[in-house]
Amino acid sequence: MEFNQLILTNHVVVGPMAGVTDGVFRRLAWEQGPALAWTEMISAQALLYDNDRTWQMATPLNGEGSVVVQLFGKEPEYMAQAAQKVAVLKPVAIDINMGCPAPKIVKNGEGSALLQQPELAAAIVRAVSQAVDLPVLVKIRSGWDEEQKNAVEMAKLLAGSGAAAITVHGRTRMQFYSGKADWDIIRQVKEAVSVPVIGNGDVFTPEAAKNMLTTTGCDAVMLARGVLGNLWLIGRTVHYLSTGVLSPEPSPKERLELALRQLKLAVEEKGDRLGVAEMRKHLSWYLKGLPGAARLRAKIMELSTSDAVKDVLEAYFARLGKEARG
């Protein structure tokens, strides 16, 4: 599969999630074998202001694979300048966010607000495509609302303006993340454009990924919320799509080991205080569905050092193991 000069090694990519897909998260995701992983959504304006935190978000860590930097903004000139600046980090592609439904983004005319301004969206893609010698990708939604599902028209316009690939989340902006993703709109986009199409929405199992590929004809599947606390979904999906064999779910021991590795890496990268604070949500996802998880999450919220968190987690999983053995 080739997006201009970008070649995918398989059909699984890891999508952008604000406050989640930082370098530590992506480093662990890479171990599961995806073809690509996206950064968090990054402000073009903040890059132009040389905001340290923003540059940190955009910079790959050692051990990462092919990273796609996702930018958001509404001014074609500034988006082009930001893309040129971030190109020095040598990402494999630049992705333009036209799908974020967050009110603070939309009210500024950015993210999914651009679905209501097709010509401006096209101008942004043209400006960025002309500014960098990298594939320029675009992530959109099915439309603004049920009455304005314009993903097909948008995709054709954006592909004609220089987009090398289109990701389609099968929900409208007004749905946010509720309801069911419309995979048929992904099929329609795939049939309407000649560039590769990545499908996104409601892929929480390897079987769902195969079903999306089969029913929509899309070129790759983007995993997002399904990998929260479940990075194994990436590797299990890659394996299932290539072999037809379904790997087992992770054991409680595997959950503990990966949670502790992510905690260790987060603390090494960001320091104890910030690392622990940012890991709380991840640990909550790792614990989802386990007995007594609510009480343990509440306990972790009270802790401020990585050693204390590690002790509590190890004690919990030791008790869990004893109970399982009877």
Protein backbone atom coordinates (compact mmCIF):
# COMPACT_ATOMS: atom_id res chain seq x y z
CA MET A 1 0.00 0.00 0.00
CA GLU A 2 1.48 3.33 -0.96
CA PHE A 3 0.44 6.86 0.04
CA ASN A 4 2.65 8.70 -2.46
CA GLN A 5 6.08 7.79 -1.05
CA LEU A 6 4.60 6.28 2.13
CA ILE A 7 4.29 2.49 2.21
CA LEU A 8 2.23 0.61 4.79
CA THR A 9 3.44 -2.77 5.96
CA ASN A 10 -0.01 -3.92 7.10
CA HIS A 11 -3.62 -2.75 7.44
CA VAL A 12 -3.52 -1.48 11.05
CA VAL A 13 -2.75 2.06 12.21
CA VAL A 14 -3.07 3.75 15.60
CA GLY A 15 -5.00 7.01 15.51
CA PRO A 16 -4.53 10.33 17.29
CA MET A 17 -6.09 10.78 20.73
CA ALA A 18 -5.65 14.02 22.67
CA GLY A 19 -3.88 13.48 25.98
CA VAL A 20 -3.23 9.83 25.13
CA THR A 21 -0.98 9.16 22.14
CA ASP A 22 2.16 10.74 23.50
CA GLY A 23 5.64 9.37 22.85
CA VAL A 24 5.49 6.87 25.72
CA PHE A 25 2.16 5.47 24.57
CA ARG A 26 3.34 5.27 20.96
CA ARG A 27 6.59 3.55 21.96
CA LEU A 28 4.59 0.73 23.55
CA ALA A 29 2.13 0.69 20.68
CA TRP A 30 5.00 0.15 18.24
CA GLU A 31 5.88 -3.10 19.96
CA GLN A 32 2.52 -4.43 18.79
CA GLY A 33 3.43 -3.96 15.12
CA PRO A 34 1.14 -1.30 13.59
CA ALA A 35 1.98 0.22 10.23
CA LEU A 36 1.69 3.81 11.50
CA ALA A 37 0.95 5.74 14.67
CA TRP A 38 -0.33 9.29 14.96
CA THR A 39 0.76 11.97 17.42
CA GLU A 40 -1.76 13.82 19.50
CA MET A 41 -3.55 16.69 17.76
CA ILE A 42 -1.02 19.55 17.64
CA SER A 43 -1.79 23.25 17.30
CA ALA A 44 -0.20 24.87 14.27
CA GLN A 45 -0.24 28.23 16.05
CA ALA A 46 1.56 26.80 19.08
CA LEU A 47 4.28 25.38 16.83
CA LEU A 48 4.76 28.77 15.23
CA TYR A 49 5.09 30.30 18.70
CA ASP A 50 7.74 27.64 19.50
CA ASN A 51 5.81 26.39 22.51
CA ASP A 52 8.05 23.88 24.30
CA ARG A 53 5.20 21.59 25.34
CA THR A 54 3.90 21.48 21.76
CA TRP A 55 7.30 20.59 20.35
CA GLN A 56 7.57 17.82 22.93
CA MET A 57 4.22 16.44 21.75
CA ALA A 58 5.43 16.40 18.14
CA THR A 59 8.88 14.90 18.73
CA PRO A 60 9.22 11.11 18.39
CA LEU A 61 10.96 9.20 21.17
CA ASN A 62 13.78 6.73 20.57
CA GLY A 63 12.37 3.37 19.60
CA GLU A 64 9.40 4.72 17.67
CA GLY A 65 8.47 3.68 14.18
CA SER A 66 6.75 5.65 11.42
CA VAL A 67 5.07 8.63 13.08
CA VAL A 68 2.39 10.81 11.50
CA VAL A 69 2.22 14.33 12.98
CA GLN A 70 -1.34 15.64 13.13
CA LEU A 71 -1.87 19.40 12.94
CA PHE A 72 -4.98 21.46 13.51
CA GLY A 73 -5.69 25.04 12.50
CA LYS A 74 -7.80 27.09 10.11
CA GLU A 75 -5.39 29.48 8.34
CA PRO A 76 -3.82 27.91 5.22
CA GLU A 77 -0.67 30.04 5.48
CA TYR A 78 -0.06 29.23 9.15
CA MET A 79 -0.79 25.54 8.62
CA ALA A 80 1.76 25.47 5.80
CA GLN A 81 4.39 27.24 7.93
CA ALA A 82 3.76 24.86 10.85
CA ALA A 83 4.07 21.85 8.55
CA GLN A 84 7.42 23.15 7.29
CA LYS A 85 8.67 23.60 10.85
CA VAL A 86 7.58 20.17 12.05
CA ALA A 87 9.00 18.50 8.93
CA VAL A 88 12.49 18.84 10.48
CA LEU A 89 11.44 16.07 12.90
CA LYS A 90 11.21 13.75 9.87
CA PRO A 91 7.69 12.36 10.31
CA VAL A 92 6.54 10.03 7.54
CA ALA A 93 3.50 12.23 6.90
CA ILE A 94 1.56 15.29 8.01
CA ASP A 95 -2.10 14.75 8.90
CA ILE A 96 -4.63 17.59 9.00
CA ASN A 97 -7.38 17.32 11.59
CA MET A 98 -10.82 18.10 10.21
CA GLY A 99 -12.71 15.81 12.56
CA CYS A 100 -12.19 16.87 16.17
CA PRO A 101 -15.66 17.56 17.67
CA ALA A 102 -14.49 19.32 20.86
CA PRO A 103 -16.43 22.58 21.41
CA LYS A 104 -13.31 24.63 22.15
CA ILE A 105 -11.81 23.53 18.82
CA VAL A 106 -15.00 23.87 16.78
CA LYS A 107 -15.92 27.33 18.06
CA ASN A 108 -12.57 28.55 16.76
CA GLY A 109 -13.41 27.28 13.27
CA GLU A 110 -10.99 24.35 13.49
CA GLY A 111 -11.34 20.56 13.56
CA SER A 112 -14.74 19.37 12.37
CA ALA A 113 -15.89 22.97 11.87
CA LEU A 114 -13.99 22.75 8.57
CA LEU A 115 -16.58 20.23 7.35
CA GLN A 116 -18.85 23.25 6.97
CA GLN A 117 -16.23 25.20 5.02
CA PRO A 118 -15.14 22.89 2.17
CA GLU A 119 -13.32 25.52 0.17
CA LEU A 120 -11.27 26.63 3.16
CA ALA A 121 -10.52 22.98 3.94
CA ALA A 122 -9.30 22.49 0.37
CA ALA A 123 -7.15 25.63 0.57
CA ILE A 124 -5.48 24.29 3.72
CA VAL A 125 -4.66 20.98 2.04
CA ARG A 126 -3.27 22.75 -1.03
CA ALA A 127 -1.11 25.06 1.07
CA VAL A 128 0.33 22.26 3.21
CA SER A 129 0.88 19.95 0.23
CA GLN A 130 2.83 22.66 -1.57
CA ALA A 131 4.88 23.52 1.53
CA VAL A 132 6.32 20.10 2.40
CA ASP A 133 7.83 17.16 0.56
CA LEU A 134 5.77 14.72 2.60
CA PRO A 135 2.46 12.94 2.10
CA VAL A 136 -0.38 15.08 3.45
CA LEU A 137 -3.24 13.09 4.96
CA VAL A 138 -6.61 14.37 6.19
CA LYS A 139 -8.91 13.01 8.90
CA ILE A 140 -12.61 13.86 8.53
CA ARG A 141 -15.96 12.74 9.91
CA SER A 142 -19.02 11.57 8.01
CA GLY A 143 -20.37 15.12 8.22
CA TRP A 144 -21.56 17.83 10.56
CA ASP A 145 -24.87 16.17 11.43
CA GLU A 146 -27.33 13.68 9.95
CA GLU A 147 -28.64 16.30 7.53
CA GLN A 148 -25.16 17.33 6.41
CA LYS A 149 -23.27 14.12 5.71
CA ASN A 150 -20.81 15.45 3.18
CA ALA A 151 -17.84 13.09 3.64
CA VAL A 152 -17.95 11.91 0.02
CA GLU A 153 -17.93 15.45 -1.39
CA MET A 154 -15.25 16.53 1.09
CA ALA A 155 -13.05 13.55 0.30
CA LYS A 156 -13.22 14.19 -3.45
CA LEU A 157 -12.42 17.87 -2.95
CA LEU A 158 -9.54 17.19 -0.57
CA ALA A 159 -8.04 14.44 -2.70
CA GLY A 160 -8.19 16.81 -5.65
CA SER A 161 -6.40 19.43 -3.57
CA GLY A 162 -3.42 17.22 -2.78
CA ALA A 163 -4.45 14.88 0.04
CA ALA A 164 -2.53 11.61 -0.30
CA ALA A 165 -4.98 9.65 1.86
CA ILE A 166 -8.22 10.24 3.75
CA THR A 167 -9.26 8.87 7.14
CA VAL A 168 -13.02 8.73 7.68
CA HIS A 169 -14.55 8.45 11.16
CA GLY A 170 -18.06 7.16 10.54
CA ARG A 171 -19.75 9.57 12.94
CA THR A 172 -20.96 13.12 12.51
CA ARG A 173 -19.63 15.98 14.58
CA MET A 174 -22.91 16.18 16.47
CA GLN A 175 -22.64 12.51 17.46
CA PHE A 176 -19.26 13.09 19.11
CA TYR A 177 -18.51 9.47 20.15
CA SER A 178 -22.07 8.30 20.79
CA GLY A 179 -24.28 6.03 18.74
CA LYS A 180 -23.03 3.69 16.07
CA ALA A 181 -20.39 4.52 13.48
CA ASP A 182 -21.68 4.53 9.90
CA TRP A 183 -19.32 2.27 8.01
CA ASP A 184 -21.30 2.65 4.79
CA ILE A 185 -20.09 6.24 4.47
CA ILE A 186 -16.53 4.86 4.56
CA ARG A 187 -17.45 2.54 1.68
CA GLN A 188 -18.91 5.44 -0.25
CA VAL A 189 -15.76 7.52 0.22
CA LYS A 190 -13.56 4.61 -0.84
CA GLU A 191 -15.58 4.20 -4.03
CA ALA A 192 -15.45 7.94 -4.76
CA VAL A 193 -11.71 8.66 -4.52
CA SER A 194 -8.56 7.14 -5.95
CA VAL A 195 -6.37 7.82 -2.90
CA PRO A 196 -6.18 5.30 -0.03
CA VAL A 197 -8.93 5.49 2.59
CA ILE A 198 -8.51 4.60 6.27
CA GLY A 199 -11.64 3.54 8.15
CA ASN A 200 -12.24 4.61 11.74
CA GLY A 201 -15.00 4.02 14.26
CA ASP A 202 -16.23 1.13 16.45
CA VAL A 203 -13.29 -1.20 15.89
CA PHE A 204 -12.87 -2.84 19.29
CA THR A 205 -11.96 -6.38 18.21
CA PRO A 206 -9.80 -8.00 15.53
CA GLU A 207 -12.96 -9.44 13.99
CA ALA A 208 -14.46 -5.95 13.70
CA ALA A 209 -11.33 -4.76 11.90
CA LYS A 210 -11.63 -7.54 9.33
CA ASN A 211 -15.33 -6.83 8.93
CA MET A 212 -14.62 -3.14 8.27
CA LEU A 213 -12.00 -3.96 5.65
CA THR A 214 -14.33 -6.43 3.98
CA THR A 215 -17.52 -4.38 3.99
CA THR A 216 -16.06 -0.96 3.15
CA GLY A 217 -13.09 -1.88 0.95
CA CYS A 218 -10.94 0.59 2.91
CA ASP A 219 -7.17 0.26 2.74
CA ALA A 220 -6.45 0.28 6.47
CA VAL A 221 -8.24 0.35 9.80
CA MET A 222 -7.51 3.00 12.40
CA LEU A 223 -7.65 1.80 16.01
CA ALA A 224 -8.28 4.46 18.64
CA ARG A 225 -10.48 4.14 21.74
CA GLY A 226 -10.28 0.35 21.52
CA VAL A 227 -6.59 0.39 22.48
CA LEU A 228 -7.08 2.33 25.73
CA GLY A 229 -5.67 0.02 28.38
CA ASN A 230 -5.61 -2.63 25.66
CA LEU A 231 -2.56 -2.11 23.47
CA TRP A 232 -2.68 -5.83 22.72
CA LEU A 233 -5.61 -5.10 20.39
CA ILE A 234 -3.06 -3.74 17.90
CA GLY A 235 -0.95 -6.89 17.79
CA ARG A 236 -3.96 -9.20 17.95
CA THR A 237 -5.52 -7.37 14.99
CA VAL A 238 -2.34 -7.40 12.92
CA HIS A 239 -1.99 -11.14 13.60
CA TYR A 240 -5.63 -11.93 12.88
CA LEU A 241 -5.68 -10.03 9.60
CA SER A 242 -2.53 -11.76 8.37
CA THR A 243 -3.23 -15.31 9.60
CA GLY A 244 -6.94 -15.62 10.40
CA VAL A 245 -5.94 -16.88 13.86
CA LEU A 246 -7.29 -15.07 16.92
CA SER A 247 -4.71 -14.59 19.67
CA PRO A 248 -5.83 -14.82 23.32
CA GLU A 249 -6.76 -11.80 25.41
CA PRO A 250 -4.02 -10.56 27.77
CA SER A 251 -3.84 -12.18 31.18
CA PRO A 252 -4.01 -10.14 34.41
CA LYS A 253 -0.25 -10.66 34.77
CA GLU A 254 0.34 -9.21 31.31
CA ARG A 255 -1.88 -6.24 32.14
CA LEU A 256 0.14 -5.53 35.29
CA GLU A 257 3.49 -5.85 33.52
CA LEU A 258 2.56 -3.47 30.71
CA ALA A 259 0.89 -0.98 33.07
CA LEU A 260 4.05 -0.88 35.20
CA ARG A 261 6.25 -0.50 32.11
CA GLN A 262 4.19 2.44 30.91
CA LEU A 263 4.32 4.00 34.37
CA LYS A 264 8.11 3.59 34.47
CA LEU A 265 8.56 5.12 31.02
CA ALA A 266 6.20 8.00 31.80
CA VAL A 267 8.12 8.85 34.96
CA GLU A 268 11.47 8.63 33.15
CA GLU A 269 10.20 10.95 30.44
CA LYS A 270 8.18 13.44 32.50
CA GLY A 271 9.26 13.11 36.11
CA ASP A 272 7.50 11.45 39.02
CA ARG A 273 4.80 14.04 39.70
CA LEU A 274 3.65 14.63 36.12
CA GLY A 275 4.24 11.04 35.06
CA VAL A 276 1.98 9.70 37.82
CA ALA A 277 -0.67 12.35 37.17
CA GLU A 278 -0.84 11.53 33.47
CA MET A 279 -0.79 7.77 34.08
CA ARG A 280 -3.88 7.74 36.30
CA LYS A 281 -6.27 7.60 33.35
CA HIS A 282 -4.19 4.93 31.64
CA LEU A 283 -4.15 2.79 34.77
CA SER A 284 -7.92 3.16 35.00
CA TRP A 285 -8.20 1.75 31.48
CA TYR A 286 -5.84 -1.14 32.25
CA LEU A 287 -8.00 -2.08 35.25
CA LYS A 288 -11.34 -1.90 33.42
CA GLY A 289 -13.44 -5.00 33.96
CA LEU A 290 -11.32 -6.45 36.75
CA PRO A 291 -12.91 -7.19 40.16
CA GLY A 292 -12.64 -4.33 42.63
CA ALA A 293 -11.34 -1.98 39.93
CA ALA A 294 -13.44 0.98 41.08
CA ARG A 295 -11.97 0.89 44.59
CA LEU A 296 -8.46 0.50 43.24
CA ARG A 297 -8.90 3.42 40.84
CA ALA A 298 -10.07 5.60 43.72
CA LYS A 299 -7.02 4.57 45.74
CA ILE A 300 -4.63 5.37 42.88
CA MET A 301 -6.17 8.83 42.51
CA GLU A 302 -4.93 9.60 46.03
CA LEU A 303 -1.34 8.58 45.33
CA SER A 304 1.34 10.98 44.11
CA THR A 305 4.50 8.87 43.71
CA SER A 306 5.27 6.09 41.27
CA ASP A 307 6.61 3.83 44.03
CA ALA A 308 3.32 4.07 45.91
CA VAL A 309 1.33 3.33 42.76
CA LYS A 310 3.58 0.38 41.93
CA ASP A 311 3.16 -1.09 45.42
CA VAL A 312 -0.64 -0.80 45.29
CA LEU A 313 -0.84 -2.37 41.83
CA GLU A 314 1.46 -5.25 42.68
CA ALA A 315 -0.46 -5.98 45.89
CA TYR A 316 -3.78 -5.94 44.02
CA PHE A 317 -2.63 -8.29 41.28
CA ALA A 318 -1.05 -10.62 43.84
CA ARG A 319 -4.43 -10.87 45.61
CA LEU A 320 -6.14 -11.36 42.27
CA GLY A 321 -3.81 -14.24 41.47
CA LYS A 322 -4.45 -15.94 44.81
CA GLU A 323 -8.21 -15.62 44.38
CA ALA A 324 -7.99 -17.09 40.88
CA ARG A 325 -6.06 -20.08 42.24
CA GLY A 326 -8.65 -20.54 44.99
